[in-house]
Amino acid sequence: MTGRLAGKSAIVTGAASGIGRASALLFAREGARLLIADRAEEGLNRTLEMIQKAGHAASALAMDAGNEDDVKKLDATAIHEFGRIDAVYANAGVSGGLTSLLDIEVSNFMEILRINTIGPYLAIKHAAPHMIRQGAGSIVMTASVAALRANAGNVAYSASKAGVISLAQTAANALIGTGVRVNAVCPGLIETGMTRPI
């Protein structure tokens, strides 16, 4: 296998659609040994089929990126299949819809934070120890322009993605000298299944 990621193992969460699917396809095209994950099994299986149809190998695991037991299982599966984890793209997220500042329910706000902010934290918490032992690794998380500017998302979504930026900065600093890099990307509005209603 050739490509910039040949011989590397990678995990992509939120791979059932949108940015996650496109990223998984690119990881596979670049030669990564790939484990993709999402809680939307139908979409996840479709992504897996697309990767395999393009002549690349990958495996898939249905899981909830904001559930610690599921994240532990995801990392254990990657270690079992590949022997190491070189990269994690913690992309899984939800938008929370268009509920206004004063109308959003606390339970809905908490669910958005659980997936969008706790999920990336769990990705770091459970992948970083493997990467530290290897002496190298990269964790990338999806934040958003909504974390940087007002009126680019609802209050819960914007707050959750601002948390991802802070998490990336804090974790990157905490892991200095280990060989593990932590970064966040802030996409603008991209038409995906999640953003189409907007």
Foldseek 3Di string as FASTA:
>chain_A
DAAPQALAEEEFEPCLKDPNLVVQLVCQVRHHAYEYEEQPVVSQVVSQVVSVVVPGDYHYDYDQLLDLVRLLVSVVVSCVVRVAHAEYELEDAAQLPDDAPVGDDPVSLVVRLSRLASSLVSNCVNRVVRQLVVLAHEYEYEAACLCVDPPQGHPSNNVSSVNLQVVQVVVQVVCPPSRYHGYYDHDGDDDMPRRVVD
